[in-house]
Amino acid sequence: MAVAGGDRTNIARPLAGLRLPVLGNPVHMLRKLLWTGLYAAIGAVATILSRRVASSIWRVATGEKPPTKR
């Protein structure tokens, strides 16, 4: 079958060669979520401990309560 303007099998397609996005790898997403949770928990614990240590040092060094936000 002849088509005016040439062979239609070689017409460029807009998404040719591009993969459509997959909805993600569930195992990879779970590992990323677990890592984020672990990182957040360690950060929270480190913050609490550092404030307690700083307060203790302040009390020993000055003999008074540490300053607080108002």
C-alpha atoms as a PDB file:
ATOM      1  CA  MET A   1       0.000   0.000   0.000  1.00  0.00           C
ATOM      2  CA  ALA A   2       1.536   3.270  -1.112  1.00  0.00           C
ATOM      3  CA  VAL A   3       1.180   6.309   1.090  1.00  0.00           C
ATOM      4  CA  ALA A   4       1.704   9.817  -0.195  1.00  0.00           C
ATOM      5  CA  GLY A   5       4.884  11.271   1.275  1.00  0.00           C
ATOM      6  CA  GLY A   6       6.685   8.008   1.989  1.00  0.00           C
ATOM      7  CA  ASP A   7       6.555   5.052   4.316  1.00  0.00           C
ATOM      8  CA  ARG A   8       4.439   5.664   7.450  1.00  0.00           C
ATOM      9  CA  THR A   9       6.260   3.119   9.599  1.00  0.00           C
ATOM     10  CA  ASN A  10       9.138   5.552  10.267  1.00  0.00           C
ATOM     11  CA  ILE A  11       7.046   8.509  11.438  1.00  0.00           C
ATOM     12  CA  ALA A  12       8.585   9.973  14.609  1.00  0.00           C
ATOM     13  CA  ARG A  13       6.497   9.368  17.690  1.00  0.00           C
ATOM     14  CA  PRO A  14       6.648  11.948  20.494  1.00  0.00           C
ATOM     15  CA  LEU A  15       7.433   9.373  23.204  1.00  0.00           C
ATOM     16  CA  ALA A  16       9.540   7.014  21.127  1.00  0.00           C
ATOM     17  CA  GLY A  17      12.416   5.660  23.184  1.00  0.00           C
ATOM     18  CA  LEU A  18      11.111   7.071  26.462  1.00  0.00           C
ATOM     19  CA  ARG A  19       9.968   4.744  29.171  1.00  0.00           C
ATOM     20  CA  LEU A  20       6.764   5.561  30.914  1.00  0.00           C
ATOM     21  CA  PRO A  21       7.291   6.041  34.645  1.00  0.00           C
ATOM     22  CA  VAL A  22       6.577   3.011  36.774  1.00  0.00           C
ATOM     23  CA  LEU A  23       4.792   3.574  40.061  1.00  0.00           C
ATOM     24  CA  GLY A  24       8.036   2.965  41.920  1.00  0.00           C
ATOM     25  CA  ASN A  25       9.713  -0.005  43.449  1.00  0.00           C
ATOM     26  CA  PRO A  26       7.813  -0.737  46.703  1.00  0.00           C
ATOM     27  CA  VAL A  27      10.909  -2.232  48.366  1.00  0.00           C
ATOM     28  CA  HIS A  28      13.034   0.792  47.466  1.00  0.00           C
ATOM     29  CA  MET A  29      10.354   3.177  48.697  1.00  0.00           C
ATOM     30  CA  LEU A  30      10.009   1.299  51.995  1.00  0.00           C
ATOM     31  CA  ARG A  31      13.763   1.365  52.542  1.00  0.00           C
ATOM     32  CA  LYS A  32      13.838   5.092  51.806  1.00  0.00           C
ATOM     33  CA  LEU A  33      10.973   5.685  54.244  1.00  0.00           C
ATOM     34  CA  LEU A  34      12.685   3.607  56.940  1.00  0.00           C
ATOM     35  CA  TRP A  35      15.949   5.501  56.410  1.00  0.00           C
ATOM     36  CA  THR A  36      14.144   8.846  56.698  1.00  0.00           C
ATOM     37  CA  GLY A  37      12.420   7.727  59.915  1.00  0.00           C
ATOM     38  CA  LEU A  38      15.682   6.471  61.426  1.00  0.00           C
ATOM     39  CA  TYR A  39      17.480   9.681  60.489  1.00  0.00           C
ATOM     40  CA  ALA A  40      14.692  11.807  62.013  1.00  0.00           C
ATOM     41  CA  ALA A  41      14.654   9.762  65.229  1.00  0.00           C
ATOM     42  CA  ILE A  42      18.426  10.028  65.662  1.00  0.00           C
ATOM     43  CA  GLY A  43      18.226  13.774  65.049  1.00  0.00           C
ATOM     44  CA  ALA A  44      15.469  14.204  67.634  1.00  0.00           C
ATOM     45  CA  VAL A  45      17.315  12.168  70.263  1.00  0.00           C
ATOM     46  CA  ALA A  46      20.552  14.068  69.597  1.00  0.00           C
ATOM     47  CA  THR A  47      18.735  17.389  69.990  1.00  0.00           C
ATOM     48  CA  ILE A  48      17.141  16.387  73.295  1.00  0.00           C
ATOM     49  CA  LEU A  49      20.416  15.035  74.696  1.00  0.00           C
ATOM     50  CA  SER A  50      22.412  18.075  73.618  1.00  0.00           C
ATOM     51  CA  ARG A  51      19.924  20.429  75.298  1.00  0.00           C
ATOM     52  CA  ARG A  52      20.078  18.407  78.523  1.00  0.00           C
ATOM     53  CA  VAL A  53      23.877  18.371  78.521  1.00  0.00           C
ATOM     54  CA  ALA A  54      24.031  22.102  77.789  1.00  0.00           C
ATOM     55  CA  SER A  55      21.558  22.825  80.604  1.00  0.00           C
ATOM     56  CA  SER A  56      23.580  20.736  83.043  1.00  0.00           C
ATOM     57  CA  ILE A  57      26.808  22.498  82.082  1.00  0.00           C
ATOM     58  CA  TRP A  58      25.100  25.893  82.423  1.00  0.00           C
ATOM     59  CA  ARG A  59      23.818  25.038  85.932  1.00  0.00           C
ATOM     60  CA  VAL A  60      27.257  23.872  87.075  1.00  0.00           C
ATOM     61  CA  ALA A  61      29.092  26.830  85.518  1.00  0.00           C
ATOM     62  CA  THR A  62      26.753  29.621  86.669  1.00  0.00           C
ATOM     63  CA  GLY A  63      24.732  28.160  89.535  1.00  0.00           C
ATOM     64  CA  GLU A  64      21.438  29.282  87.993  1.00  0.00           C
ATOM     65  CA  LYS A  65      18.781  27.996  85.624  1.00  0.00           C
ATOM     66  CA  PRO A  66      19.580  28.200  81.917  1.00  0.00           C
ATOM     67  CA  PRO A  67      17.841  30.971  79.969  1.00  0.00           C
ATOM     68  CA  THR A  68      14.576  30.034  78.251  1.00  0.00           C
ATOM     69  CA  LYS A  69      12.599  31.451  75.353  1.00  0.00           C
ATOM     70  CA  ARG A  70       9.811  33.799  76.321  1.00  0.00           C
END
